[in-house]
Amino acid sequence: MSADAVQPTRKDFLLAMAGAALLPQVAKAQAAPAKLLIVVAHPDDEYAFAATTYRLVRESGWIADQVTITDGESGYRYSALAEMYYGVALMKDGDGHGRLAAIRKEEVQRAGKILGIRHQYFLDQKDLGFDTDASSAESENWDRPHLRSFLSGLLTAERYDAIFTLLPTAETHGHHRAATILALEAVASLPVYQRPLVFGVESRSKSDPPLTFAAFPAQPLTRTVEAAPVVTFDRTASFGFRNGLSYQIVVSWVIAEHKTQGLFQNDYGRHEFEQFWLFEASGKDAIQRLAHLRAVLGPPANLVAAR
């Protein structure tokens, strides 16, 4: 060593040793799996993105948690078959609806086991249902400050990479819109660099006309980066031995767990696509991060080109 070389001090040595000790932790952090948060109003709403969730969690190693805002007790209209199955009254007022709420919680937990959900968070807001038109269902009884606080705290603690909600169209259930807007409000409270990708999702059929969605009126947080879906996942994509399996099987398993929802049982094979709209609230670099998600959802056979 030349006389001009600078000798490391004891402080330099200790700092170098501390850095070396942290290397395994840094490597572990870099290798940590990505995280998905599902935010829905009712038990069974996870159906809309069941195949994509399965792909991310069961096949790509993501971690997924689910927040269900209401107790779902107003989903009693088509529970006649489930009364026979569970051996309890579900359609009558009083105890019947209370039992229904408890059973629906068990159903979504079983569905979550299929999809690989890590934590189920039940916020137990009373489901007041609707009279004749689901799109006009009210959510004024929800404790919105508590819900926003819970979601903001969860997002801060977990640092999710993506959030799946339902697309807040004028035609969808009013509770679906309310849940999505709450999720967007919670995301908007975060620093821009901490925001996950936030998607509004609809399950669609091949025969459906193309759907565009730019925003729900008077709700600027619902603005999307494009009016067309940015991702379409094909539930009919085949895989396994001789390509004899498809993601429709997973979706059918999820439907089967929600036995209290009798009319829902008619949805087997009804929707081939899960379409995703990306909200602007996701941040300025959302499109770049979207490219990574698309790569994870591949191979290309799983994805459908935008129509």
C-alpha atoms as a PDB file:
ATOM      1  CA  MET A   1       0.000   0.000   0.000  1.00  0.00           C
ATOM      2  CA  SER A   2       1.387   3.423  -0.906  1.00  0.00           C
ATOM      3  CA  ALA A   3       2.009   6.041   1.696  1.00  0.00           C
ATOM      4  CA  ASP A   4      -0.763   8.162   0.153  1.00  0.00           C
ATOM      5  CA  ALA A   5      -3.434   5.466   0.648  1.00  0.00           C
ATOM      6  CA  VAL A   6      -6.065   6.316   3.242  1.00  0.00           C
ATOM      7  CA  GLN A   7      -6.271   3.830   6.083  1.00  0.00           C
ATOM      8  CA  PRO A   8      -9.829   2.885   7.209  1.00  0.00           C
ATOM      9  CA  THR A   9     -10.749   4.193  10.616  1.00  0.00           C
ATOM     10  CA  ARG A  10     -12.424   2.118  13.336  1.00  0.00           C
ATOM     11  CA  LYS A  11     -15.702   3.887  12.463  1.00  0.00           C
ATOM     12  CA  ASP A  12     -15.335   2.897   8.811  1.00  0.00           C
ATOM     13  CA  PHE A  13     -14.673  -0.696   9.839  1.00  0.00           C
ATOM     14  CA  LEU A  14     -17.741  -0.855  12.091  1.00  0.00           C
ATOM     15  CA  LEU A  15     -19.960   0.696   9.430  1.00  0.00           C
ATOM     16  CA  ALA A  16     -18.734  -1.820   6.879  1.00  0.00           C
ATOM     17  CA  MET A  17     -19.400  -4.704   9.261  1.00  0.00           C
ATOM     18  CA  ALA A  18     -22.892  -3.371  10.010  1.00  0.00           C
ATOM     19  CA  GLY A  19     -23.603  -3.141   6.297  1.00  0.00           C
ATOM     20  CA  ALA A  20     -22.440  -6.708   5.767  1.00  0.00           C
ATOM     21  CA  ALA A  21     -24.695  -7.880   8.585  1.00  0.00           C
ATOM     22  CA  LEU A  22     -27.664  -6.187   6.950  1.00  0.00           C
ATOM     23  CA  LEU A  23     -27.101  -7.786   3.552  1.00  0.00           C
ATOM     24  CA  PRO A  24     -29.142 -10.937   4.314  1.00  0.00           C
ATOM     25  CA  GLN A  25     -32.029  -8.766   5.519  1.00  0.00           C
ATOM     26  CA  VAL A  26     -31.845  -6.631   2.373  1.00  0.00           C
ATOM     27  CA  ALA A  27     -31.801  -9.731   0.188  1.00  0.00           C
ATOM     28  CA  LYS A  28     -34.775 -11.132   2.079  1.00  0.00           C
ATOM     29  CA  ALA A  29     -36.704  -7.870   1.654  1.00  0.00           C
ATOM     30  CA  GLN A  30     -35.964  -7.873  -2.060  1.00  0.00           C
ATOM     31  CA  ALA A  31     -37.213 -11.442  -2.336  1.00  0.00           C
ATOM     32  CA  ALA A  32     -40.403 -10.775  -0.370  1.00  0.00           C
ATOM     33  CA  PRO A  33     -43.538 -11.821  -2.266  1.00  0.00           C
ATOM     34  CA  ALA A  34     -45.834  -9.218  -3.741  1.00  0.00           C
ATOM     35  CA  LYS A  35     -49.086  -8.493  -1.921  1.00  0.00           C
ATOM     36  CA  LEU A  36     -52.686  -8.153  -3.057  1.00  0.00           C
ATOM     37  CA  LEU A  37     -55.590  -6.658  -1.105  1.00  0.00           C
ATOM     38  CA  ILE A  38     -59.185  -7.449  -2.069  1.00  0.00           C
ATOM     39  CA  VAL A  39     -61.772  -4.890  -0.911  1.00  0.00           C
ATOM     40  CA  VAL A  40     -65.413  -5.885  -1.407  1.00  0.00           C
ATOM     41  CA  ALA A  41     -68.804  -5.080   0.056  1.00  0.00           C
ATOM     42  CA  HIS A  42     -70.252  -8.586   0.399  1.00  0.00           C
ATOM     43  CA  PRO A  43     -69.146 -12.169   0.870  1.00  0.00           C
ATOM     44  CA  ASP A  44     -69.038 -13.677  -2.680  1.00  0.00           C
ATOM     45  CA  ASP A  45     -67.930 -10.449  -4.438  1.00  0.00           C
ATOM     46  CA  GLU A  46     -64.448 -11.970  -4.782  1.00  0.00           C
ATOM     47  CA  TYR A  47     -65.947 -14.049  -7.604  1.00  0.00           C
ATOM     48  CA  ALA A  48     -65.294 -11.231 -10.094  1.00  0.00           C
ATOM     49  CA  PHE A  49     -61.530 -11.768  -9.938  1.00  0.00           C
ATOM     50  CA  ALA A  50     -61.273 -15.317  -8.565  1.00  0.00           C
ATOM     51  CA  ALA A  51     -59.226 -16.687 -11.476  1.00  0.00           C
ATOM     52  CA  THR A  52     -56.730 -13.812 -11.426  1.00  0.00           C
ATOM     53  CA  THR A  53     -56.374 -14.088  -7.659  1.00  0.00           C
ATOM     54  CA  TYR A  54     -55.713 -17.820  -7.963  1.00  0.00           C
ATOM     55  CA  ARG A  55     -53.120 -17.165 -10.663  1.00  0.00           C
ATOM     56  CA  LEU A  56     -51.294 -14.597  -8.532  1.00  0.00           C
ATOM     57  CA  VAL A  57     -51.448 -16.423  -5.198  1.00  0.00           C
ATOM     58  CA  ARG A  58     -51.451 -20.143  -5.929  1.00  0.00           C
ATOM     59  CA  GLU A  59     -49.280 -20.081  -9.043  1.00  0.00           C
ATOM     60  CA  SER A  60     -47.110 -16.961  -8.707  1.00  0.00           C
ATOM     61  CA  GLY A  61     -46.480 -16.809  -4.960  1.00  0.00           C
ATOM     62  CA  TRP A  62     -48.259 -13.576  -4.086  1.00  0.00           C
ATOM     63  CA  ILE A  63     -49.830 -12.963  -0.671  1.00  0.00           C
ATOM     64  CA  ALA A  64     -53.486 -11.917  -0.648  1.00  0.00           C
ATOM     65  CA  ASP A  65     -55.742 -10.523   2.076  1.00  0.00           C
ATOM     66  CA  GLN A  66     -59.447  -9.733   1.824  1.00  0.00           C
ATOM     67  CA  VAL A  67     -61.594  -7.043   3.442  1.00  0.00           C
ATOM     68  CA  THR A  68     -65.352  -7.665   3.443  1.00  0.00           C
ATOM     69  CA  ILE A  69     -67.230  -4.562   4.544  1.00  0.00           C
ATOM     70  CA  THR A  70     -70.797  -5.777   5.242  1.00  0.00           C
ATOM     71  CA  ASP A  71     -72.144  -8.816   7.062  1.00  0.00           C
ATOM     72  CA  GLY A  72     -74.139  -9.846   3.969  1.00  0.00           C
ATOM     73  CA  GLU A  73     -77.305 -10.566   5.915  1.00  0.00           C
ATOM     74  CA  SER A  74     -79.578  -9.119   3.224  1.00  0.00           C
ATOM     75  CA  GLY A  75     -78.536 -11.783   0.741  1.00  0.00           C
ATOM     76  CA  TYR A  76     -81.424 -14.015   1.792  1.00  0.00           C
ATOM     77  CA  ARG A  77     -83.761 -13.868  -1.218  1.00  0.00           C
ATOM     78  CA  TYR A  78     -82.514 -17.077  -2.846  1.00  0.00           C
ATOM     79  CA  SER A  79     -81.505 -19.023   0.275  1.00  0.00           C
ATOM     80  CA  ALA A  80     -84.275 -21.641   0.157  1.00  0.00           C
ATOM     81  CA  LEU A  81     -81.941 -24.420  -0.995  1.00  0.00           C
ATOM     82  CA  ALA A  82     -79.348 -23.429   1.586  1.00  0.00           C
ATOM     83  CA  GLU A  83     -81.942 -23.759   4.354  1.00  0.00           C
ATOM     84  CA  MET A  84     -82.179 -27.431   3.455  1.00  0.00           C
ATOM     85  CA  TYR A  85     -78.404 -27.798   3.204  1.00  0.00           C
ATOM     86  CA  TYR A  86     -77.570 -26.058   6.498  1.00  0.00           C
ATOM     87  CA  GLY A  87     -80.699 -27.141   8.346  1.00  0.00           C
ATOM     88  CA  VAL A  88     -81.545 -23.654   9.653  1.00  0.00           C
ATOM     89  CA  ALA A  89     -83.997 -20.898   8.729  1.00  0.00           C
ATOM     90  CA  LEU A  90     -82.294 -18.198   6.693  1.00  0.00           C
ATOM     91  CA  MET A  91     -85.050 -16.347   4.845  1.00  0.00           C
ATOM     92  CA  LYS A  92     -87.166 -15.270   7.795  1.00  0.00           C
ATOM     93  CA  ASP A  93     -86.600 -12.027   9.662  1.00  0.00           C
ATOM     94  CA  GLY A  94     -84.906 -11.995  13.043  1.00  0.00           C
ATOM     95  CA  ASP A  95     -82.636 -14.935  13.835  1.00  0.00           C
ATOM     96  CA  GLY A  96     -82.737 -16.161  10.247  1.00  0.00           C
ATOM     97  CA  HIS A  97     -80.837 -13.166   8.915  1.00  0.00           C
ATOM     98  CA  GLY A  98     -78.386 -13.282  11.821  1.00  0.00           C
ATOM     99  CA  ARG A  99     -77.647 -16.910  11.046  1.00  0.00           C
ATOM    100  CA  LEU A 100     -77.238 -16.037   7.394  1.00  0.00           C
ATOM    101  CA  ALA A 101     -74.559 -13.446   8.211  1.00  0.00           C
ATOM    102  CA  ALA A 102     -72.584 -15.999  10.249  1.00  0.00           C
ATOM    103  CA  ILE A 103     -72.877 -18.664   7.550  1.00  0.00           C
ATOM    104  CA  ARG A 104     -71.851 -16.284   4.786  1.00  0.00           C
ATOM    105  CA  LYS A 105     -68.723 -15.478   6.772  1.00  0.00           C
ATOM    106  CA  GLU A 106     -67.897 -19.195   6.867  1.00  0.00           C
ATOM    107  CA  GLU A 107     -68.602 -19.474   3.139  1.00  0.00           C
ATOM    108  CA  VAL A 108     -66.210 -16.697   2.184  1.00  0.00           C
ATOM    109  CA  GLN A 109     -63.530 -18.225   4.396  1.00  0.00           C
ATOM    110  CA  ARG A 110     -63.884 -21.532   2.564  1.00  0.00           C
ATOM    111  CA  ALA A 111     -63.768 -19.740  -0.777  1.00  0.00           C
ATOM    112  CA  GLY A 112     -60.708 -17.890   0.471  1.00  0.00           C
ATOM    113  CA  LYS A 113     -58.987 -21.174   1.230  1.00  0.00           C
ATOM    114  CA  ILE A 114     -59.367 -22.118  -2.439  1.00  0.00           C
ATOM    115  CA  LEU A 115     -57.840 -18.835  -3.566  1.00  0.00           C
ATOM    116  CA  GLY A 116     -55.118 -18.830  -0.898  1.00  0.00           C
ATOM    117  CA  ILE A 117     -56.308 -15.797   1.080  1.00  0.00           C
ATOM    118  CA  ARG A 118     -54.014 -15.213   4.064  1.00  0.00           C
ATOM    119  CA  HIS A 119     -56.147 -12.941   6.262  1.00  0.00           C
ATOM    120  CA  GLN A 120     -59.885 -12.285   6.108  1.00  0.00           C
ATOM    121  CA  TYR A 121     -60.950  -8.978   7.653  1.00  0.00           C
ATOM    122  CA  PHE A 122     -64.668  -8.659   8.416  1.00  0.00           C
ATOM    123  CA  LEU A 123     -65.770  -5.099   9.149  1.00  0.00           C
ATOM    124  CA  ASP A 124     -69.354  -6.170   9.943  1.00  0.00           C
ATOM    125  CA  GLN A 125     -71.251  -3.167   8.636  1.00  0.00           C
ATOM    126  CA  LYS A 126     -74.948  -4.009   8.579  1.00  0.00           C
ATOM    127  CA  ASP A 127     -76.134  -5.000   5.112  1.00  0.00           C
ATOM    128  CA  LEU A 128     -79.455  -3.211   4.586  1.00  0.00           C
ATOM    129  CA  GLY A 129     -79.840  -4.608   1.070  1.00  0.00           C
ATOM    130  CA  PHE A 130     -82.099  -2.888  -1.463  1.00  0.00           C
ATOM    131  CA  ASP A 131     -85.761  -2.683  -2.350  1.00  0.00           C
ATOM    132  CA  THR A 132     -86.055  -3.316  -6.075  1.00  0.00           C
ATOM    133  CA  ASP A 133     -82.900  -1.947  -7.717  1.00  0.00           C
ATOM    134  CA  ALA A 134     -79.482  -3.104  -6.499  1.00  0.00           C
ATOM    135  CA  SER A 135     -77.736  -0.124  -8.100  1.00  0.00           C
ATOM    136  CA  SER A 136     -79.616   2.205  -5.727  1.00  0.00           C
ATOM    137  CA  ALA A 137     -78.679   0.309  -2.552  1.00  0.00           C
ATOM    138  CA  GLU A 138     -77.806   2.746   0.219  1.00  0.00           C
ATOM    139  CA  SER A 139     -74.727   2.584   2.436  1.00  0.00           C
ATOM    140  CA  GLU A 140     -75.473   5.574   4.642  1.00  0.00           C
ATOM    141  CA  ASN A 141     -75.489   3.320   7.700  1.00  0.00           C
ATOM    142  CA  TRP A 142     -71.808   2.451   7.235  1.00  0.00           C
ATOM    143  CA  ASP A 143     -69.330   3.990   9.661  1.00  0.00           C
ATOM    144  CA  ARG A 144     -67.239   5.576   6.928  1.00  0.00           C
ATOM    145  CA  PRO A 145     -64.621   7.277   9.158  1.00  0.00           C
ATOM    146  CA  HIS A 146     -63.910   3.935  10.825  1.00  0.00           C
ATOM    147  CA  LEU A 147     -63.756   2.099   7.491  1.00  0.00           C
ATOM    148  CA  ARG A 148     -61.404   4.664   5.937  1.00  0.00           C
ATOM    149  CA  SER A 149     -59.210   4.599   9.033  1.00  0.00           C
ATOM    150  CA  PHE A 150     -59.042   0.800   8.993  1.00  0.00           C
ATOM    151  CA  LEU A 151     -58.187   0.647   5.300  1.00  0.00           C
ATOM    152  CA  SER A 152     -55.580   3.415   5.546  1.00  0.00           C
ATOM    153  CA  GLY A 153     -53.926   1.695   8.493  1.00  0.00           C
ATOM    154  CA  LEU A 154     -53.896  -1.652   6.717  1.00  0.00           C
ATOM    155  CA  LEU A 155     -52.424  -0.146   3.539  1.00  0.00           C
ATOM    156  CA  THR A 156     -49.706   1.636   5.523  1.00  0.00           C
ATOM    157  CA  ALA A 157     -48.794  -1.480   7.511  1.00  0.00           C
ATOM    158  CA  GLU A 158     -48.804  -3.990   4.664  1.00  0.00           C
ATOM    159  CA  ARG A 159     -47.591  -1.984   1.639  1.00  0.00           C
ATOM    160  CA  TYR A 160     -49.721  -3.872  -0.874  1.00  0.00           C
ATOM    161  CA  ASP A 161     -48.682  -3.936  -4.508  1.00  0.00           C
ATOM    162  CA  ALA A 162     -52.234  -4.118  -5.887  1.00  0.00           C
ATOM    163  CA  ILE A 163     -55.856  -3.735  -4.801  1.00  0.00           C
ATOM    164  CA  PHE A 164     -58.796  -5.444  -6.488  1.00  0.00           C
ATOM    165  CA  THR A 165     -62.241  -3.864  -6.144  1.00  0.00           C
ATOM    166  CA  LEU A 166     -65.377  -3.980  -8.273  1.00  0.00           C
ATOM    167  CA  LEU A 167     -65.807  -1.549 -11.146  1.00  0.00           C
ATOM    168  CA  PRO A 168     -68.081   1.264  -9.867  1.00  0.00           C
ATOM    169  CA  THR A 169     -70.453   1.535 -12.824  1.00  0.00           C
ATOM    170  CA  ALA A 170     -73.915   3.090 -12.637  1.00  0.00           C
ATOM    171  CA  GLU A 171     -75.454  -0.363 -13.061  1.00  0.00           C
ATOM    172  CA  THR A 172     -73.568  -2.228 -10.350  1.00  0.00           C
ATOM    173  CA  HIS A 173     -74.780  -2.714  -6.769  1.00  0.00           C
ATOM    174  CA  GLY A 174     -74.647   0.530  -4.795  1.00  0.00           C
ATOM    175  CA  HIS A 175     -72.608  -1.192  -2.082  1.00  0.00           C
ATOM    176  CA  HIS A 176     -70.025  -2.227  -4.673  1.00  0.00           C
ATOM    177  CA  ARG A 177     -69.515   1.395  -5.685  1.00  0.00           C
ATOM    178  CA  ALA A 178     -69.335   2.513  -2.062  1.00  0.00           C
ATOM    179  CA  ALA A 179     -66.690  -0.110  -1.210  1.00  0.00           C
ATOM    180  CA  THR A 180     -64.567   0.858  -4.208  1.00  0.00           C
ATOM    181  CA  ILE A 181     -64.758   4.561  -3.405  1.00  0.00           C
ATOM    182  CA  LEU A 182     -63.729   3.885   0.202  1.00  0.00           C
ATOM    183  CA  ALA A 183     -60.715   1.916  -1.024  1.00  0.00           C
ATOM    184  CA  LEU A 184     -59.769   4.763  -3.380  1.00  0.00           C
ATOM    185  CA  GLU A 185     -60.110   7.323  -0.583  1.00  0.00           C
ATOM    186  CA  ALA A 186     -57.781   5.251   1.583  1.00  0.00           C
ATOM    187  CA  VAL A 187     -55.247   4.991  -1.252  1.00  0.00           C
ATOM    188  CA  ALA A 188     -55.450   8.726  -1.938  1.00  0.00           C
ATOM    189  CA  SER A 189     -54.449   9.388   1.690  1.00  0.00           C
ATOM    190  CA  LEU A 190     -51.082   7.698   1.095  1.00  0.00           C
ATOM    191  CA  PRO A 191     -47.967   9.383  -0.291  1.00  0.00           C
ATOM    192  CA  VAL A 192     -47.868   8.907  -4.058  1.00  0.00           C
ATOM    193  CA  TYR A 193     -44.773   6.692  -3.886  1.00  0.00           C
ATOM    194  CA  GLN A 194     -46.543   4.262  -1.510  1.00  0.00           C
ATOM    195  CA  ARG A 195     -49.694   3.742  -3.535  1.00  0.00           C
ATOM    196  CA  PRO A 196     -50.586   0.301  -4.865  1.00  0.00           C
ATOM    197  CA  LEU A 197     -52.116  -0.325  -8.258  1.00  0.00           C
ATOM    198  CA  VAL A 198     -55.883  -0.068  -7.758  1.00  0.00           C
ATOM    199  CA  PHE A 199     -58.197  -1.877 -10.154  1.00  0.00           C
ATOM    200  CA  GLY A 200     -61.932  -1.909 -10.722  1.00  0.00           C
ATOM    201  CA  VAL A 201     -62.904  -5.318 -12.075  1.00  0.00           C
ATOM    202  CA  GLU A 202     -65.859  -6.848 -13.886  1.00  0.00           C
ATOM    203  CA  SER A 203     -66.406 -10.444 -14.909  1.00  0.00           C
ATOM    204  CA  ARG A 204     -67.610 -10.460 -18.515  1.00  0.00           C
ATOM    205  CA  SER A 205     -68.765 -12.859 -21.202  1.00  0.00           C
ATOM    206  CA  LYS A 206     -67.287 -13.222 -24.680  1.00  0.00           C
ATOM    207  CA  SER A 207     -70.668 -12.287 -26.111  1.00  0.00           C
ATOM    208  CA  ASP A 208     -70.864  -9.018 -24.162  1.00  0.00           C
ATOM    209  CA  PRO A 209     -70.273  -5.829 -26.149  1.00  0.00           C
ATOM    210  CA  PRO A 210     -67.029  -3.983 -25.277  1.00  0.00           C
ATOM    211  CA  LEU A 211     -67.355  -1.960 -22.078  1.00  0.00           C
ATOM    212  CA  THR A 212     -65.710   1.399 -21.499  1.00  0.00           C
ATOM    213  CA  PHE A 213     -65.453   3.178 -18.164  1.00  0.00           C
ATOM    214  CA  ALA A 214     -63.770   6.543 -17.593  1.00  0.00           C
ATOM    215  CA  ALA A 215     -65.259   7.531 -14.205  1.00  0.00           C
ATOM    216  CA  PHE A 216     -68.430   7.481 -12.132  1.00  0.00           C
ATOM    217  CA  PRO A 217     -70.134  10.905 -12.278  1.00  0.00           C
ATOM    218  CA  ALA A 218     -69.171  13.356  -9.506  1.00  0.00           C
ATOM    219  CA  GLN A 219     -66.542  10.933  -8.172  1.00  0.00           C
ATOM    220  CA  PRO A 220     -63.156  12.128  -9.484  1.00  0.00           C
ATOM    221  CA  LEU A 221     -61.277   9.401  -7.616  1.00  0.00           C
ATOM    222  CA  THR A 222     -62.892   6.837  -9.896  1.00  0.00           C
ATOM    223  CA  ARG A 223     -61.145   8.205 -13.007  1.00  0.00           C
ATOM    224  CA  THR A 224     -59.286   5.496 -14.888  1.00  0.00           C
ATOM    225  CA  VAL A 225     -56.063   5.765 -16.881  1.00  0.00           C
ATOM    226  CA  GLU A 226     -57.874   4.382 -19.940  1.00  0.00           C
ATOM    227  CA  ALA A 227     -61.560   3.939 -20.713  1.00  0.00           C
ATOM    228  CA  ALA A 228     -60.887   0.403 -21.958  1.00  0.00           C
ATOM    229  CA  PRO A 229     -59.728  -2.386 -19.637  1.00  0.00           C
ATOM    230  CA  VAL A 230     -55.944  -2.551 -19.277  1.00  0.00           C
ATOM    231  CA  VAL A 231     -55.931  -6.286 -18.525  1.00  0.00           C
ATOM    232  CA  THR A 232     -58.289  -9.084 -19.514  1.00  0.00           C
ATOM    233  CA  PHE A 233     -57.622 -12.449 -17.891  1.00  0.00           C
ATOM    234  CA  ASP A 234     -59.070 -15.464 -19.683  1.00  0.00           C
ATOM    235  CA  ARG A 235     -60.705 -17.926 -17.292  1.00  0.00           C
ATOM    236  CA  THR A 236     -60.865 -20.520 -20.080  1.00  0.00           C
ATOM    237  CA  ALA A 237     -57.074 -20.615 -20.537  1.00  0.00           C
ATOM    238  CA  SER A 238     -56.097 -24.288 -20.412  1.00  0.00           C
ATOM    239  CA  PHE A 239     -53.243 -25.925 -18.530  1.00  0.00           C
ATOM    240  CA  GLY A 240     -52.327 -29.171 -16.787  1.00  0.00           C
ATOM    241  CA  PHE A 241     -52.264 -32.691 -18.183  1.00  0.00           C
ATOM    242  CA  ARG A 242     -53.163 -32.546 -21.859  1.00  0.00           C
ATOM    243  CA  ASN A 243     -54.446 -29.010 -21.188  1.00  0.00           C
ATOM    244  CA  GLY A 244     -57.514 -30.544 -19.598  1.00  0.00           C
ATOM    245  CA  LEU A 245     -57.886 -27.928 -16.851  1.00  0.00           C
ATOM    246  CA  SER A 246     -58.897 -24.266 -16.881  1.00  0.00           C
ATOM    247  CA  TYR A 247     -59.389 -21.442 -14.398  1.00  0.00           C
ATOM    248  CA  GLN A 248     -63.147 -21.848 -14.808  1.00  0.00           C
ATOM    249  CA  ILE A 249     -62.794 -24.855 -12.492  1.00  0.00           C
ATOM    250  CA  VAL A 250     -61.379 -22.618  -9.761  1.00  0.00           C
ATOM    251  CA  VAL A 251     -64.201 -20.133 -10.279  1.00  0.00           C
ATOM    252  CA  SER A 252     -66.760 -22.950 -10.056  1.00  0.00           C
ATOM    253  CA  TRP A 253     -65.259 -24.081  -6.760  1.00  0.00           C
ATOM    254  CA  VAL A 254     -65.605 -20.533  -5.403  1.00  0.00           C
ATOM    255  CA  ILE A 255     -69.239 -20.307  -6.531  1.00  0.00           C
ATOM    256  CA  ALA A 256     -70.019 -23.675  -4.917  1.00  0.00           C
ATOM    257  CA  GLU A 257     -68.837 -22.453  -1.508  1.00  0.00           C
ATOM    258  CA  HIS A 258     -71.460 -19.670  -1.490  1.00  0.00           C
ATOM    259  CA  LYS A 259     -74.431 -22.011  -1.136  1.00  0.00           C
ATOM    260  CA  THR A 260     -76.626 -19.412   0.562  1.00  0.00           C
ATOM    261  CA  GLN A 261     -76.606 -17.450  -2.686  1.00  0.00           C
ATOM    262  CA  GLY A 262     -78.862 -19.721  -4.709  1.00  0.00           C
ATOM    263  CA  LEU A 263     -79.177 -17.524  -7.785  1.00  0.00           C
ATOM    264  CA  PHE A 264     -75.391 -17.134  -7.850  1.00  0.00           C
ATOM    265  CA  GLN A 265     -75.111 -20.878  -8.445  1.00  0.00           C
ATOM    266  CA  ASN A 266     -76.343 -20.277 -11.995  1.00  0.00           C
ATOM    267  CA  ASP A 267     -73.127 -18.432 -12.851  1.00  0.00           C
ATOM    268  CA  TYR A 268     -71.080 -21.572 -13.565  1.00  0.00           C
ATOM    269  CA  GLY A 269     -69.196 -20.947 -16.808  1.00  0.00           C
ATOM    270  CA  ARG A 270     -71.191 -17.803 -17.467  1.00  0.00           C
ATOM    271  CA  HIS A 271     -68.283 -15.361 -17.620  1.00  0.00           C
ATOM    272  CA  GLU A 272     -65.105 -16.182 -19.499  1.00  0.00           C
ATOM    273  CA  PHE A 273     -63.194 -12.956 -18.837  1.00  0.00           C
ATOM    274  CA  GLU A 274     -62.056 -10.929 -15.838  1.00  0.00           C
ATOM    275  CA  GLN A 275     -61.494  -7.359 -17.042  1.00  0.00           C
ATOM    276  CA  PHE A 276     -59.465  -4.773 -15.126  1.00  0.00           C
ATOM    277  CA  TRP A 277     -59.615  -0.969 -15.256  1.00  0.00           C
ATOM    278  CA  LEU A 278     -56.725   0.883 -13.607  1.00  0.00           C
ATOM    279  CA  PHE A 279     -57.587   3.947 -11.510  1.00  0.00           C
ATOM    280  CA  GLU A 280     -55.535   7.151 -11.818  1.00  0.00           C
ATOM    281  CA  ALA A 281     -55.240   7.210  -8.019  1.00  0.00           C
ATOM    282  CA  SER A 282     -52.625   4.454  -8.395  1.00  0.00           C
ATOM    283  CA  GLY A 283     -49.940   7.084  -9.100  1.00  0.00           C
ATOM    284  CA  LYS A 284     -47.935   8.475 -12.004  1.00  0.00           C
ATOM    285  CA  ASP A 285     -45.810   5.347 -12.503  1.00  0.00           C
ATOM    286  CA  ALA A 286     -48.830   3.035 -12.572  1.00  0.00           C
ATOM    287  CA  ILE A 287     -48.421   2.072 -16.231  1.00  0.00           C
ATOM    288  CA  GLN A 288     -44.824   0.973 -15.654  1.00  0.00           C
ATOM    289  CA  ARG A 289     -45.845  -1.160 -12.681  1.00  0.00           C
ATOM    290  CA  LEU A 290     -48.740  -2.558 -14.686  1.00  0.00           C
ATOM    291  CA  ALA A 291     -46.259  -4.061 -17.143  1.00  0.00           C
ATOM    292  CA  HIS A 292     -44.802  -6.160 -14.337  1.00  0.00           C
ATOM    293  CA  LEU A 293     -48.233  -7.392 -13.292  1.00  0.00           C
ATOM    294  CA  ARG A 294     -49.045  -8.369 -16.855  1.00  0.00           C
ATOM    295  CA  ALA A 295     -45.827 -10.376 -16.994  1.00  0.00           C
ATOM    296  CA  VAL A 296     -46.755 -12.196 -13.794  1.00  0.00           C
ATOM    297  CA  LEU A 297     -50.233 -13.016 -15.110  1.00  0.00           C
ATOM    298  CA  GLY A 298     -48.780 -14.557 -18.276  1.00  0.00           C
ATOM    299  CA  PRO A 299     -48.123 -16.707 -20.217  1.00  0.00           C
ATOM    300  CA  PRO A 300     -49.859 -14.736 -22.961  1.00  0.00           C
ATOM    301  CA  ALA A 301     -52.469 -17.487 -23.339  1.00  0.00           C
ATOM    302  CA  ASN A 302     -53.977 -16.266 -20.054  1.00  0.00           C
ATOM    303  CA  LEU A 303     -54.369 -12.723 -21.335  1.00  0.00           C
ATOM    304  CA  VAL A 304     -56.686 -11.405 -23.989  1.00  0.00           C
ATOM    305  CA  ALA A 305     -55.739  -8.491 -26.208  1.00  0.00           C
ATOM    306  CA  ALA A 306     -57.741  -5.329 -25.591  1.00  0.00           C
ATOM    307  CA  ARG A 307     -60.883  -5.158 -27.718  1.00  0.00           C
END
